[in-house]
Amino acid sequence: MTDADASTILQGLRGSIDNIDAALIFLLAERFRCTKQVGVLKAKHGMPASDPTREEQQIARLVQLAEQADLDPVFAEKWFNFVVAEVIRHHRSAASEPAGESAAG
């Protein structure tokens, strides 16, 4: 393989990575739209922002999916914990806003 061939392959791989990164951003945005609705619902009904049982179930499910996808399950769990921490922060924020304000945004 020549350097030119390697550069062409590298460019193609980077293009694929860029497309995947864009898809991940849009998927995360959609996930946060859903979790925002969950946060508003929880706030309206006085439910706690965090649900440790649900989180444990999700971790187990994502670890299994990661293993099936040949992705490091430890990484998958760390990623999930990072996302959940942000979701809980949003839920607590929704719970502290006056009624109706968080549903509009």
PDB file of N, CA and C in Angstrom:
ATOM      1  N   MET A   1       0.852  -1.170   0.000  1.00  0.00           N
ATOM      2  CA  MET A   1       0.000   0.000   0.000  1.00  0.00           C
ATOM      3  C   MET A   1       0.899   1.234   0.000  1.00  0.00           C
ATOM      4  N   THR A   2       0.557   2.174  -0.843  1.00  0.00           N
ATOM      5  CA  THR A   2       1.336   3.408  -0.921  1.00  0.00           C
ATOM      6  C   THR A   2       0.827   4.403   0.111  1.00  0.00           C
ATOM      7  N   ASP A   3       1.622   5.446   0.320  1.00  0.00           N
ATOM      8  CA  ASP A   3       1.188   6.517   1.217  1.00  0.00           C
ATOM      9  C   ASP A   3      -0.081   7.177   0.697  1.00  0.00           C
ATOM     10  N   ALA A   4      -0.198   7.313  -0.612  1.00  0.00           N
ATOM     11  CA  ALA A   4      -1.395   7.913  -1.208  1.00  0.00           C
ATOM     12  C   ALA A   4      -2.620   7.039  -0.939  1.00  0.00           C
ATOM     13  N   ASP A   5      -2.445   5.716  -1.060  1.00  0.00           N
ATOM     14  CA  ASP A   5      -3.549   4.796  -0.763  1.00  0.00           C
ATOM     15  C   ASP A   5      -3.965   4.916   0.704  1.00  0.00           C
ATOM     16  N   ALA A   6      -2.977   4.964   1.575  1.00  0.00           N
ATOM     17  CA  ALA A   6      -3.254   5.087   3.007  1.00  0.00           C
ATOM     18  C   ALA A   6      -3.992   6.388   3.301  1.00  0.00           C
ATOM     19  N   SER A   7      -3.593   7.475   2.650  1.00  0.00           N
ATOM     20  CA  SER A   7      -4.257   8.765   2.850  1.00  0.00           C
ATOM     21  C   SER A   7      -5.709   8.718   2.389  1.00  0.00           C
ATOM     22  N   THR A   8      -5.960   8.054   1.277  1.00  0.00           N
ATOM     23  CA  THR A   8      -7.324   7.926   0.761  1.00  0.00           C
ATOM     24  C   THR A   8      -8.191   7.114   1.725  1.00  0.00           C
ATOM     25  N   ILE A   9      -7.639   6.012   2.208  1.00  0.00           N
ATOM     26  CA  ILE A   9      -8.366   5.178   3.171  1.00  0.00           C
ATOM     27  C   ILE A   9      -8.628   5.957   4.454  1.00  0.00           C
ATOM     28  N   LEU A  10      -7.606   6.663   4.932  1.00  0.00           N
ATOM     29  CA  LEU A  10      -7.745   7.465   6.146  1.00  0.00           C
ATOM     30  C   LEU A  10      -8.836   8.512   5.984  1.00  0.00           C
ATOM     31  N   GLN A  11      -8.865   9.177   4.846  1.00  0.00           N
ATOM     32  CA  GLN A  11      -9.881  10.196   4.584  1.00  0.00           C
ATOM     33  C   GLN A  11     -11.285   9.577   4.625  1.00  0.00           C
ATOM     34  N   GLY A  12     -11.441   8.399   4.036  1.00  0.00           N
ATOM     35  CA  GLY A  12     -12.733   7.713   4.063  1.00  0.00           C
ATOM     36  C   GLY A  12     -13.154   7.325   5.467  1.00  0.00           C
ATOM     37  N   LEU A  13     -12.212   6.807   6.244  1.00  0.00           N
ATOM     38  CA  LEU A  13     -12.514   6.430   7.624  1.00  0.00           C
ATOM     39  C   LEU A  13     -12.893   7.650   8.458  1.00  0.00           C
ATOM     40  N   ARG A  14     -12.174   8.739   8.265  1.00  0.00           N
ATOM     41  CA  ARG A  14     -12.498   9.963   9.005  1.00  0.00           C
ATOM     42  C   ARG A  14     -13.868  10.500   8.617  1.00  0.00           C
ATOM     43  N   GLY A  15     -14.227  10.365   7.349  1.00  0.00           N
ATOM     44  CA  GLY A  15     -15.564  10.768   6.918  1.00  0.00           C
ATOM     45  C   GLY A  15     -16.636   9.941   7.615  1.00  0.00           C
ATOM     46  N   SER A  16     -16.390   8.642   7.724  1.00  0.00           N
ATOM     47  CA  SER A  16     -17.329   7.770   8.433  1.00  0.00           C
ATOM     48  C   SER A  16     -17.440   8.165   9.901  1.00  0.00           C
ATOM     49  N   ILE A  17     -16.314   8.439  10.527  1.00  0.00           N
ATOM     50  CA  ILE A  17     -16.311   8.858  11.934  1.00  0.00           C
ATOM     51  C   ILE A  17     -17.095  10.154  12.101  1.00  0.00           C
ATOM     52  N   ASP A  18     -16.890  11.107  11.198  1.00  0.00           N
ATOM     53  CA  ASP A  18     -17.624  12.373  11.270  1.00  0.00           C
ATOM     54  C   ASP A  18     -19.129  12.142  11.173  1.00  0.00           C
ATOM     55  N   ASN A  19     -19.547  11.252  10.272  1.00  0.00           N
ATOM     56  CA  ASN A  19     -20.976  10.947  10.130  1.00  0.00           C
ATOM     57  C   ASN A  19     -21.532  10.283  11.383  1.00  0.00           C
ATOM     58  N   ILE A  20     -20.773   9.364  11.949  1.00  0.00           N
ATOM     59  CA  ILE A  20     -21.201   8.689  13.174  1.00  0.00           C
ATOM     60  C   ILE A  20     -21.298   9.690  14.320  1.00  0.00           C
ATOM     61  N   ASP A  21     -20.315  10.585  14.438  1.00  0.00           N
ATOM     62  CA  ASP A  21     -20.357  11.607  15.484  1.00  0.00           C
ATOM     63  C   ASP A  21     -21.599  12.480  15.345  1.00  0.00           C
ATOM     64  N   ALA A  22     -21.938  12.862  14.122  1.00  0.00           N
ATOM     65  CA  ALA A  22     -23.138  13.678  13.892  1.00  0.00           C
ATOM     66  C   ALA A  22     -24.388  12.908  14.316  1.00  0.00           C
ATOM     67  N   ALA A  23     -24.455  11.633  13.947  1.00  0.00           N
ATOM     68  CA  ALA A  23     -25.608  10.818  14.331  1.00  0.00           C
ATOM     69  C   ALA A  23     -25.713  10.702  15.852  1.00  0.00           C
ATOM     70  N   LEU A  24     -24.584  10.520  16.525  1.00  0.00           N
ATOM     71  CA  LEU A  24     -24.586  10.433  17.988  1.00  0.00           C
ATOM     72  C   LEU A  24     -25.125  11.707  18.622  1.00  0.00           C
ATOM     73  N   ILE A  25     -24.729  12.855  18.094  1.00  0.00           N
ATOM     74  CA  ILE A  25     -25.208  14.133  18.637  1.00  0.00           C
ATOM     75  C   ILE A  25     -26.718  14.236  18.496  1.00  0.00           C
ATOM     76  N   PHE A  26     -27.241  13.895  17.323  1.00  0.00           N
ATOM     77  CA  PHE A  26     -28.683  13.976  17.118  1.00  0.00           C
ATOM     78  C   PHE A  26     -29.430  12.952  17.978  1.00  0.00           C
ATOM     79  N   LEU A  27     -28.865  11.767  18.156  1.00  0.00           N
ATOM     80  CA  LEU A  27     -29.479  10.768  19.028  1.00  0.00           C
ATOM     81  C   LEU A  27     -29.475  11.223  20.486  1.00  0.00           C
ATOM     82  N   LEU A  28     -28.372  11.812  20.927  1.00  0.00           N
ATOM     83  CA  LEU A  28     -28.321  12.333  22.298  1.00  0.00           C
ATOM     84  C   LEU A  28     -29.333  13.454  22.494  1.00  0.00           C
ATOM     85  N   ALA A  29     -29.465  14.317  21.497  1.00  0.00           N
ATOM     86  CA  ALA A  29     -30.450  15.401  21.591  1.00  0.00           C
ATOM     87  C   ALA A  29     -31.857  14.826  21.730  1.00  0.00           C
ATOM     88  N   GLU A  30     -32.166  13.811  20.956  1.00  0.00           N
ATOM     89  CA  GLU A  30     -33.488  13.171  21.046  1.00  0.00           C
ATOM     90  C   GLU A  30     -33.671  12.504  22.405  1.00  0.00           C
ATOM     91  N   ARG A  31     -32.621  11.865  22.902  1.00  0.00           N
ATOM     92  CA  ARG A  31     -32.694  11.238  24.221  1.00  0.00           C
ATOM     93  C   ARG A  31     -32.991  12.282  25.291  1.00  0.00           C
ATOM     94  N   PHE A  32     -32.319  13.429  25.206  1.00  0.00           N
ATOM     95  CA  PHE A  32     -32.539  14.471  26.203  1.00  0.00           C
ATOM     96  C   PHE A  32     -33.910  15.120  26.057  1.00  0.00           C
ATOM     97  N   ARG A  33     -34.474  15.159  24.854  1.00  0.00           N
ATOM     98  CA  ARG A  33     -35.854  15.639  24.711  1.00  0.00           C
ATOM     99  C   ARG A  33     -36.802  14.707  25.472  1.00  0.00           C
ATOM    100  N   CYS A  34     -36.568  13.408  25.353  1.00  0.00           N
ATOM    101  CA  CYS A  34     -37.404  12.439  26.077  1.00  0.00           C
ATOM    102  C   CYS A  34     -37.208  12.550  27.587  1.00  0.00           C
ATOM    103  N   THR A  35     -35.958  12.639  28.022  1.00  0.00           N
ATOM    104  CA  THR A  35     -35.716  12.708  29.465  1.00  0.00           C
ATOM    105  C   THR A  35     -36.207  14.023  30.050  1.00  0.00           C
ATOM    106  N   LYS A  36     -36.262  15.072  29.234  1.00  0.00           N
ATOM    107  CA  LYS A  36     -36.835  16.333  29.717  1.00  0.00           C
ATOM    108  C   LYS A  36     -38.313  16.135  30.031  1.00  0.00           C
ATOM    109  N   GLN A  37     -39.010  15.425  29.173  1.00  0.00           N
ATOM    110  CA  GLN A  37     -40.420  15.136  29.426  1.00  0.00           C
ATOM    111  C   GLN A  37     -40.583  14.292  30.687  1.00  0.00           C
ATOM    112  N   VAL A  38     -39.672  13.342  30.882  1.00  0.00           N
ATOM    113  CA  VAL A  38     -39.690  12.534  32.105  1.00  0.00           C
ATOM    114  C   VAL A  38     -39.502  13.439  33.318  1.00  0.00           C
ATOM    115  N   GLY A  39     -38.554  14.367  33.238  1.00  0.00           N
ATOM    116  CA  GLY A  39     -38.287  15.277  34.349  1.00  0.00           C
ATOM    117  C   GLY A  39     -39.479  16.149  34.682  1.00  0.00           C
ATOM    118  N   VAL A  40     -40.155  16.653  33.660  1.00  0.00           N
ATOM    119  CA  VAL A  40     -41.344  17.481  33.879  1.00  0.00           C
ATOM    120  C   VAL A  40     -42.436  16.645  34.547  1.00  0.00           C
ATOM    121  N   LEU A  41     -42.644  15.436  34.052  1.00  0.00           N
ATOM    122  CA  LEU A  41     -43.646  14.542  34.629  1.00  0.00           C
ATOM    123  C   LEU A  41     -43.333  14.232  36.091  1.00  0.00           C
ATOM    124  N   LYS A  42     -42.069  13.915  36.367  1.00  0.00           N
ATOM    125  CA  LYS A  42     -41.670  13.627  37.743  1.00  0.00           C
ATOM    126  C   LYS A  42     -41.879  14.846  38.634  1.00  0.00           C
ATOM    127  N   ALA A  43     -41.526  16.028  38.138  1.00  0.00           N
ATOM    128  CA  ALA A  43     -41.679  17.247  38.932  1.00  0.00           C
ATOM    129  C   ALA A  43     -43.149  17.510  39.240  1.00  0.00           C
ATOM    130  N   LYS A  44     -44.010  17.345  38.256  1.00  0.00           N
ATOM    131  CA  LYS A  44     -45.445  17.594  38.451  1.00  0.00           C
ATOM    132  C   LYS A  44     -46.059  16.647  39.468  1.00  0.00           C
ATOM    133  N   HIS A  45     -45.504  15.447  39.580  1.00  0.00           N
ATOM    134  CA  HIS A  45     -46.076  14.443  40.468  1.00  0.00           C
ATOM    135  C   HIS A  45     -45.232  14.195  41.712  1.00  0.00           C
ATOM    136  N   GLY A  46     -44.273  15.081  41.958  1.00  0.00           N
ATOM    137  CA  GLY A  46     -43.467  14.998  43.173  1.00  0.00           C
ATOM    138  C   GLY A  46     -42.614  13.744  43.267  1.00  0.00           C
ATOM    139  N   MET A  47     -42.230  13.221  42.121  1.00  0.00           N
ATOM    140  CA  MET A  47     -41.405  12.013  42.105  1.00  0.00           C
ATOM    141  C   MET A  47     -39.928  12.397  42.189  1.00  0.00           C
ATOM    142  N   PRO A  48     -39.095  11.539  42.771  1.00  0.00           N
ATOM    143  CA  PRO A  48     -37.666  11.869  42.874  1.00  0.00           C
ATOM    144  C   PRO A  48     -36.999  11.927  41.498  1.00  0.00           C
ATOM    145  N   ALA A  49     -35.994  12.780  41.397  1.00  0.00           N
ATOM    146  CA  ALA A  49     -35.275  12.950  40.129  1.00  0.00           C
ATOM    147  C   ALA A  49     -34.525  11.685  39.737  1.00  0.00           C
ATOM    148  N   SER A  50     -34.060  10.952  40.721  1.00  0.00           N
ATOM    149  CA  SER A  50     -33.257   9.752  40.471  1.00  0.00           C
ATOM    150  C   SER A  50     -34.081   8.499  40.751  1.00  0.00           C
ATOM    151  N   ASP A  51     -33.864   7.470  39.950  1.00  0.00           N
ATOM    152  CA  ASP A  51     -34.524   6.176  40.143  1.00  0.00           C
ATOM    153  C   ASP A  51     -33.439   5.097  40.094  1.00  0.00           C
ATOM    154  N   PRO A  52     -32.805   4.826  41.242  1.00  0.00           N
ATOM    155  CA  PRO A  52     -31.681   3.883  41.266  1.00  0.00           C
ATOM    156  C   PRO A  52     -32.014   2.497  40.704  1.00  0.00           C
ATOM    157  N   THR A  53     -33.225   2.016  40.919  1.00  0.00           N
ATOM    158  CA  THR A  53     -33.600   0.702  40.385  1.00  0.00           C
ATOM    159  C   THR A  53     -33.584   0.726  38.868  1.00  0.00           C
ATOM    160  N   ARG A  54     -34.179   1.752  38.289  1.00  0.00           N
ATOM    161  CA  ARG A  54     -34.193   1.899  36.826  1.00  0.00           C
ATOM    162  C   ARG A  54     -32.764   2.027  36.297  1.00  0.00           C
ATOM    163  N   GLU A  55     -31.943   2.810  36.984  1.00  0.00           N
ATOM    164  CA  GLU A  55     -30.563   3.006  36.543  1.00  0.00           C
ATOM    165  C   GLU A  55     -29.789   1.687  36.554  1.00  0.00           C
ATOM    166  N   GLU A  56     -29.981   0.877  37.592  1.00  0.00           N
ATOM    167  CA  GLU A  56     -29.307  -0.427  37.657  1.00  0.00           C
ATOM    168  C   GLU A  56     -29.758  -1.331  36.516  1.00  0.00           C
ATOM    169  N   GLN A  57     -31.059  -1.312  36.221  1.00  0.00           N
ATOM    170  CA  GLN A  57     -31.579  -2.116  35.109  1.00  0.00           C
ATOM    171  C   GLN A  57     -30.973  -1.661  33.786  1.00  0.00           C
ATOM    172  N   GLN A  58     -30.882  -0.360  33.607  1.00  0.00           N
ATOM    173  CA  GLN A  58     -30.324   0.185  32.372  1.00  0.00           C
ATOM    174  C   GLN A  58     -28.843  -0.162  32.232  1.00  0.00           C
ATOM    175  N   ILE A  59     -28.111  -0.071  33.325  1.00  0.00           N
ATOM    176  CA  ILE A  59     -26.685  -0.418  33.276  1.00  0.00           C
ATOM    177  C   ILE A  59     -26.523  -1.877  32.857  1.00  0.00           C
ATOM    178  N   ALA A  60     -27.289  -2.767  33.465  1.00  0.00           N
ATOM    179  CA  ALA A  60     -27.194  -4.189  33.115  1.00  0.00           C
ATOM    180  C   ALA A  60     -27.526  -4.400  31.640  1.00  0.00           C
ATOM    181  N   ARG A  61     -28.564  -3.720  31.161  1.00  0.00           N
ATOM    182  CA  ARG A  61     -28.962  -3.854  29.760  1.00  0.00           C
ATOM    183  C   ARG A  61     -27.885  -3.321  28.828  1.00  0.00           C
ATOM    184  N   LEU A  62     -27.330  -2.151  29.156  1.00  0.00           N
ATOM    185  CA  LEU A  62     -26.311  -1.548  28.296  1.00  0.00           C
ATOM    186  C   LEU A  62     -24.996  -2.325  28.319  1.00  0.00           C
ATOM    187  N   VAL A  63     -24.650  -2.885  29.455  1.00  0.00           N
ATOM    188  CA  VAL A  63     -23.443  -3.726  29.526  1.00  0.00           C
ATOM    189  C   VAL A  63     -23.615  -4.938  28.615  1.00  0.00           C
ATOM    190  N   GLN A  64     -24.791  -5.546  28.646  1.00  0.00           N
ATOM    191  CA  GLN A  64     -25.057  -6.690  27.772  1.00  0.00           C
ATOM    192  C   GLN A  64     -24.997  -6.273  26.301  1.00  0.00           C
ATOM    193  N   LEU A  65     -25.609  -5.136  25.964  1.00  0.00           N
ATOM    194  CA  LEU A  65     -25.554  -4.642  24.586  1.00  0.00           C
ATOM    195  C   LEU A  65     -24.120  -4.353  24.162  1.00  0.00           C
ATOM    196  N   ALA A  66     -23.349  -3.756  25.063  1.00  0.00           N
ATOM    197  CA  ALA A  66     -21.953  -3.445  24.750  1.00  0.00           C
ATOM    198  C   ALA A  66     -21.175  -4.723  24.450  1.00  0.00           C
ATOM    199  N   GLU A  67     -21.398  -5.739  25.255  1.00  0.00           N
ATOM    200  CA  GLU A  67     -20.706  -7.013  25.020  1.00  0.00           C
ATOM    201  C   GLU A  67     -21.094  -7.597  23.664  1.00  0.00           C
ATOM    202  N   GLN A  68     -22.380  -7.518  23.324  1.00  0.00           N
ATOM    203  CA  GLN A  68     -22.839  -8.026  22.026  1.00  0.00           C
ATOM    204  C   GLN A  68     -22.235  -7.231  20.868  1.00  0.00           C
ATOM    205  N   ALA A  69     -22.009  -5.940  21.093  1.00  0.00           N
ATOM    206  CA  ALA A  69     -21.479  -5.063  20.045  1.00  0.00           C
ATOM    207  C   ALA A  69     -19.958  -5.032  20.023  1.00  0.00           C
ATOM    208  N   ASP A  70     -19.325  -5.814  20.885  1.00  0.00           N
ATOM    209  CA  ASP A  70     -17.867  -5.828  21.007  1.00  0.00           C
ATOM    210  C   ASP A  70     -17.326  -4.456  21.405  1.00  0.00           C
ATOM    211  N   LEU A  71     -18.050  -3.818  22.330  1.00  0.00           N
ATOM    212  CA  LEU A  71     -17.643  -2.538  22.909  1.00  0.00           C
ATOM    213  C   LEU A  71     -17.301  -2.797  24.370  1.00  0.00           C
ATOM    214  N   ASP A  72     -16.295  -2.145  24.863  1.00  0.00           N
ATOM    215  CA  ASP A  72     -15.879  -2.317  26.253  1.00  0.00           C
ATOM    216  C   ASP A  72     -17.060  -2.001  27.179  1.00  0.00           C
ATOM    217  N   PRO A  73     -17.560  -2.987  27.936  1.00  0.00           N
ATOM    218  CA  PRO A  73     -18.705  -2.739  28.809  1.00  0.00           C
ATOM    219  C   PRO A  73     -18.407  -1.743  29.926  1.00  0.00           C
ATOM    220  N   VAL A  74     -17.164  -1.662  30.357  1.00  0.00           N
ATOM    221  CA  VAL A  74     -16.791  -0.671  31.377  1.00  0.00           C
ATOM    222  C   VAL A  74     -16.962   0.731  30.806  1.00  0.00           C
ATOM    223  N   PHE A  75     -16.544   0.925  29.566  1.00  0.00           N
ATOM    224  CA  PHE A  75     -16.737   2.214  28.905  1.00  0.00           C
ATOM    225  C   PHE A  75     -18.228   2.525  28.777  1.00  0.00           C
ATOM    226  N   ALA A  76     -19.024   1.541  28.371  1.00  0.00           N
ATOM    227  CA  ALA A  76     -20.464   1.753  28.207  1.00  0.00           C
ATOM    228  C   ALA A  76     -21.094   2.185  29.528  1.00  0.00           C
ATOM    229  N   GLU A  77     -20.681   1.561  30.617  1.00  0.00           N
ATOM    230  CA  GLU A  77     -21.222   1.928  31.928  1.00  0.00           C
ATOM    231  C   GLU A  77     -20.790   3.336  32.327  1.00  0.00           C
ATOM    232  N   LYS A  78     -19.543   3.683  32.077  1.00  0.00           N
ATOM    233  CA  LYS A  78     -19.065   5.040  32.391  1.00  0.00           C
ATOM    234  C   LYS A  78     -19.836   6.076  31.581  1.00  0.00           C
ATOM    235  N   TRP A  79     -20.038   5.783  30.298  1.00  0.00           N
ATOM    236  CA  TRP A  79     -20.791   6.700  29.440  1.00  0.00           C
ATOM    237  C   TRP A  79     -22.210   6.881  29.980  1.00  0.00           C
ATOM    238  N   PHE A  80     -22.860   5.769  30.325  1.00  0.00           N
ATOM    239  CA  PHE A  80     -24.223   5.831  30.835  1.00  0.00           C
ATOM    240  C   PHE A  80     -24.283   6.633  32.129  1.00  0.00           C
ATOM    241  N   ASN A  81     -23.350   6.398  33.043  1.00  0.00           N
ATOM    242  CA  ASN A  81     -23.332   7.139  34.307  1.00  0.00           C
ATOM    243  C   ASN A  81     -23.158   8.632  34.069  1.00  0.00           C
ATOM    244  N   PHE A  82     -22.341   8.994  33.093  1.00  0.00           N
ATOM    245  CA  PHE A  82     -22.156  10.403  32.743  1.00  0.00           C
ATOM    246  C   PHE A  82     -23.472  11.006  32.247  1.00  0.00           C
ATOM    247  N   VAL A  83     -24.152  10.305  31.354  1.00  0.00           N
ATOM    248  CA  VAL A  83     -25.421  10.791  30.808  1.00  0.00           C
ATOM    249  C   VAL A  83     -26.475  10.884  31.908  1.00  0.00           C
ATOM    250  N   VAL A  84     -26.564   9.865  32.752  1.00  0.00           N
ATOM    251  CA  VAL A  84     -27.563   9.863  33.821  1.00  0.00           C
ATOM    252  C   VAL A  84     -27.328  11.015  34.792  1.00  0.00           C
ATOM    253  N   ALA A  85     -26.090  11.310  35.106  1.00  0.00           N
ATOM    254  CA  ALA A  85     -25.800  12.438  36.000  1.00  0.00           C
ATOM    255  C   ALA A  85     -26.347  13.736  35.414  1.00  0.00           C
ATOM    256  N   GLU A  86     -26.210  13.921  34.117  1.00  0.00           N
ATOM    257  CA  GLU A  86     -26.735  15.118  33.463  1.00  0.00           C
ATOM    258  C   GLU A  86     -28.260  15.105  33.453  1.00  0.00           C
ATOM    259  N   VAL A  87     -28.848  13.959  33.207  1.00  0.00           N
ATOM    260  CA  VAL A  87     -30.311  13.835  33.221  1.00  0.00           C
ATOM    261  C   VAL A  87     -30.851  14.176  34.605  1.00  0.00           C
ATOM    262  N   ILE A  88     -30.234  13.646  35.650  1.00  0.00           N
ATOM    263  CA  ILE A  88     -30.683  13.922  37.019  1.00  0.00           C
ATOM    264  C   ILE A  88     -30.559  15.413  37.321  1.00  0.00           C
ATOM    265  N   ARG A  89     -29.488  16.022  36.853  1.00  0.00           N
ATOM    266  CA  ARG A  89     -29.326  17.469  37.049  1.00  0.00           C
ATOM    267  C   ARG A  89     -30.484  18.213  36.393  1.00  0.00           C
ATOM    268  N   HIS A  90     -30.855  17.810  35.188  1.00  0.00           N
ATOM    269  CA  HIS A  90     -31.984  18.441  34.494  1.00  0.00           C
ATOM    270  C   HIS A  90     -33.289  18.204  35.251  1.00  0.00           C
ATOM    271  N   HIS A  91     -33.483  16.986  35.762  1.00  0.00           N
ATOM    272  CA  HIS A  91     -34.706  16.675  36.495  1.00  0.00           C
ATOM    273  C   HIS A  91     -34.809  17.518  37.763  1.00  0.00           C
ATOM    274  N   ARG A  92     -33.709  17.672  38.455  1.00  0.00           N
ATOM    275  CA  ARG A  92     -33.726  18.493  39.676  1.00  0.00           C
ATOM    276  C   ARG A  92     -34.012  19.943  39.338  1.00  0.00           C
ATOM    277  N   SER A  93     -33.483  20.401  38.232  1.00  0.00           N
ATOM    278  CA  SER A  93     -33.750  21.763  37.778  1.00  0.00           C
ATOM    279  C   SER A  93     -35.231  21.928  37.452  1.00  0.00           C
ATOM    280  N   ALA A  94     -35.810  20.943  36.772  1.00  0.00           N
ATOM    281  CA  ALA A  94     -37.235  20.997  36.434  1.00  0.00           C
ATOM    282  C   ALA A  94     -38.084  21.009  37.695  1.00  0.00           C
ATOM    283  N   ALA A  95     -37.677  20.255  38.702  1.00  0.00           N
ATOM    284  CA  ALA A  95     -38.434  20.186  39.947  1.00  0.00           C
ATOM    285  C   ALA A  95     -38.382  21.494  40.712  1.00  0.00           C
ATOM    286  N   SER A  96     -37.327  22.275  40.518  1.00  0.00           N
ATOM    287  CA  SER A  96     -37.192  23.529  41.258  1.00  0.00           C
ATOM    288  C   SER A  96     -37.795  24.723  40.530  1.00  0.00           C
ATOM    289  N   GLU A  97     -38.204  24.540  39.270  1.00  0.00           N
ATOM    290  CA  GLU A  97     -38.810  25.638  38.514  1.00  0.00           C
ATOM    291  C   GLU A  97     -40.283  25.757  38.869  1.00  0.00           C
ATOM    292  N   PRO A  98     -40.811  26.995  38.791  1.00  0.00           N
ATOM    293  CA  PRO A  98     -42.253  27.161  39.015  1.00  0.00           C
ATOM    294  C   PRO A  98     -43.046  26.328  38.009  1.00  0.00           C
ATOM    295  N   ALA A  99     -44.218  25.894  38.405  1.00  0.00           N
ATOM    296  CA  ALA A  99     -45.057  25.029  37.562  1.00  0.00           C
ATOM    297  C   ALA A  99     -45.244  25.620  36.177  1.00  0.00           C
ATOM    298  N   GLY A 100     -45.057  24.761  35.172  1.00  0.00           N
ATOM    299  CA  GLY A 100     -45.299  25.166  33.794  1.00  0.00           C
ATOM    300  C   GLY A 100     -44.105  25.721  33.065  1.00  0.00           C
ATOM    301  N   GLU A 101     -43.130  26.273  33.765  1.00  0.00           N
ATOM    302  CA  GLU A 101     -42.002  26.904  33.076  1.00  0.00           C
ATOM    303  C   GLU A 101     -41.114  25.891  32.379  1.00  0.00           C
ATOM    304  N   SER A 102     -40.836  24.765  33.015  1.00  0.00           N
ATOM    305  CA  SER A 102     -39.919  23.803  32.414  1.00  0.00           C
ATOM    306  C   SER A 102     -40.543  23.085  31.226  1.00  0.00           C
ATOM    307  N   ALA A 103     -41.843  23.015  31.158  1.00  0.00           N
ATOM    308  CA  ALA A 103     -42.497  22.332  30.047  1.00  0.00           C
ATOM    309  C   ALA A 103     -42.405  23.137  28.761  1.00  0.00           C
ATOM    310  N   ALA A 104     -42.239  24.439  28.864  1.00  0.00           N
ATOM    311  CA  ALA A 104     -42.218  25.300  27.676  1.00  0.00           C
ATOM    312  C   ALA A 104     -40.898  25.236  26.937  1.00  0.00           C
ATOM    313  N   GLY A 105     -39.784  24.991  27.642  1.00  0.00           N
ATOM    314  CA  GLY A 105     -38.467  25.090  27.028  1.00  0.00           C
ATOM    315  C   GLY A 105     -38.058  23.898  26.325  1.00  0.00           C
TER     316      GLY A 105
END
